[in-house]
Amino acid sequence: MSMTTISQTITYLNYINGSWQAASSDETLASINPANREVLGYVQSSTRDDLNEAVQAAKEAQKAWKKRSGAERGNLLYKAA
């Protein structure tokens, strides 16, 4: 029996205001497994502007989120997981 392993690294994007986005720096950082130094994937090298955009979007989303019942919020989080 032979086994073939395909190793793929994923580049993760930032989720801001309902969409997946690259950092405005156009740079990524490697996420490295410290046990074997294998690159697990790449994450965005986000800037202060990216952070501010995400925080502002979260503040806006909070206005509608707090109006939902606890059961509604729980169901949405369960579906997202």
Protein backbone atom coordinates (compact mmCIF):
# COMPACT_ATOMS: atom_id res chain seq x y z
CA MET A 1 0.00 0.00 0.00
CA SER A 2 1.39 3.40 -0.87
CA MET A 3 0.37 6.67 0.62
CA THR A 4 0.71 10.09 -0.90
CA THR A 5 0.75 13.13 1.31
CA ILE A 6 -0.14 16.45 -0.18
CA SER A 7 0.99 19.38 1.85
CA GLN A 8 -0.72 22.66 1.21
CA THR A 9 -0.26 25.85 3.11
CA ILE A 10 -3.19 28.18 3.42
CA THR A 11 -3.06 31.94 3.43
CA TYR A 12 -5.65 33.27 5.84
CA LEU A 13 -7.36 36.59 5.23
CA ASN A 14 -8.83 39.10 7.67
CA TYR A 15 -12.62 39.00 8.10
CA ILE A 16 -13.72 42.62 8.27
CA ASN A 17 -17.23 43.99 7.85
CA GLY A 18 -18.61 40.82 6.30
CA SER A 19 -15.84 40.08 3.80
CA TRP A 20 -12.47 38.35 3.66
CA GLN A 21 -9.68 40.82 2.91
CA ALA A 22 -5.92 40.91 2.54
CA ALA A 23 -4.07 43.32 4.81
CA SER A 24 -3.47 46.77 3.38
CA SER A 25 0.27 46.07 3.75
CA ASP A 26 -0.02 43.29 1.14
CA GLU A 27 2.29 41.26 3.39
CA THR A 28 1.85 37.97 5.22
CA LEU A 29 3.62 36.23 8.10
CA ALA A 30 4.35 32.51 8.30
CA SER A 31 2.73 30.56 11.12
CA ILE A 32 5.38 28.00 12.07
CA ASN A 33 5.04 24.78 14.05
CA PRO A 34 7.72 25.15 16.76
CA ALA A 35 8.16 21.37 17.07
CA ASN A 36 9.39 20.82 13.51
CA ARG A 37 9.65 24.32 11.98
CA GLU A 38 7.03 23.40 9.34
CA VAL A 39 5.08 26.31 7.88
CA LEU A 40 1.45 25.70 8.79
CA GLY A 41 0.05 28.61 6.85
CA TYR A 42 0.28 32.34 6.41
CA VAL A 43 -1.59 35.10 8.23
CA GLN A 44 -2.01 38.72 7.27
CA SER A 45 0.51 41.28 8.46
CA SER A 46 -2.23 43.72 9.35
CA THR A 47 -1.65 47.40 9.80
CA ARG A 48 -3.07 49.88 12.27
CA ASP A 49 -5.52 50.96 9.53
CA ASP A 50 -6.71 47.34 9.17
CA LEU A 51 -7.23 47.16 12.93
CA ASN A 52 -9.13 50.45 13.03
CA GLU A 53 -11.36 49.31 10.16
CA ALA A 54 -12.12 46.04 11.97
CA VAL A 55 -12.87 47.79 15.26
CA GLN A 56 -15.19 50.30 13.57
CA ALA A 57 -17.03 47.48 11.76
CA ALA A 58 -17.40 45.58 15.05
CA LYS A 59 -18.82 48.65 16.79
CA GLU A 60 -21.40 49.06 14.02
CA ALA A 61 -22.31 45.35 14.10
CA GLN A 62 -22.75 45.49 17.88
CA LYS A 63 -25.72 47.84 17.49
CA ALA A 64 -27.80 45.16 15.74
CA TRP A 65 -26.28 42.24 17.67
CA LYS A 66 -27.34 43.57 21.08
CA LYS A 67 -30.95 43.76 19.90
CA ARG A 68 -31.07 39.99 19.30
CA SER A 69 -32.20 37.63 22.04
CA GLY A 70 -29.71 35.37 23.76
CA ALA A 71 -31.24 32.37 21.98
CA GLU A 72 -30.83 34.04 18.57
CA ARG A 73 -27.21 34.93 19.29
CA GLY A 74 -26.53 31.40 20.51
CA ASN A 75 -28.04 29.86 17.38
CA LEU A 76 -25.99 32.13 15.12
CA LEU A 77 -22.79 31.29 16.97
CA TYR A 78 -23.60 27.58 16.82
CA LYS A 79 -24.13 27.79 13.05
CA ALA A 80 -20.87 29.69 12.62
CA ALA A 81 -18.82 27.11 14.56
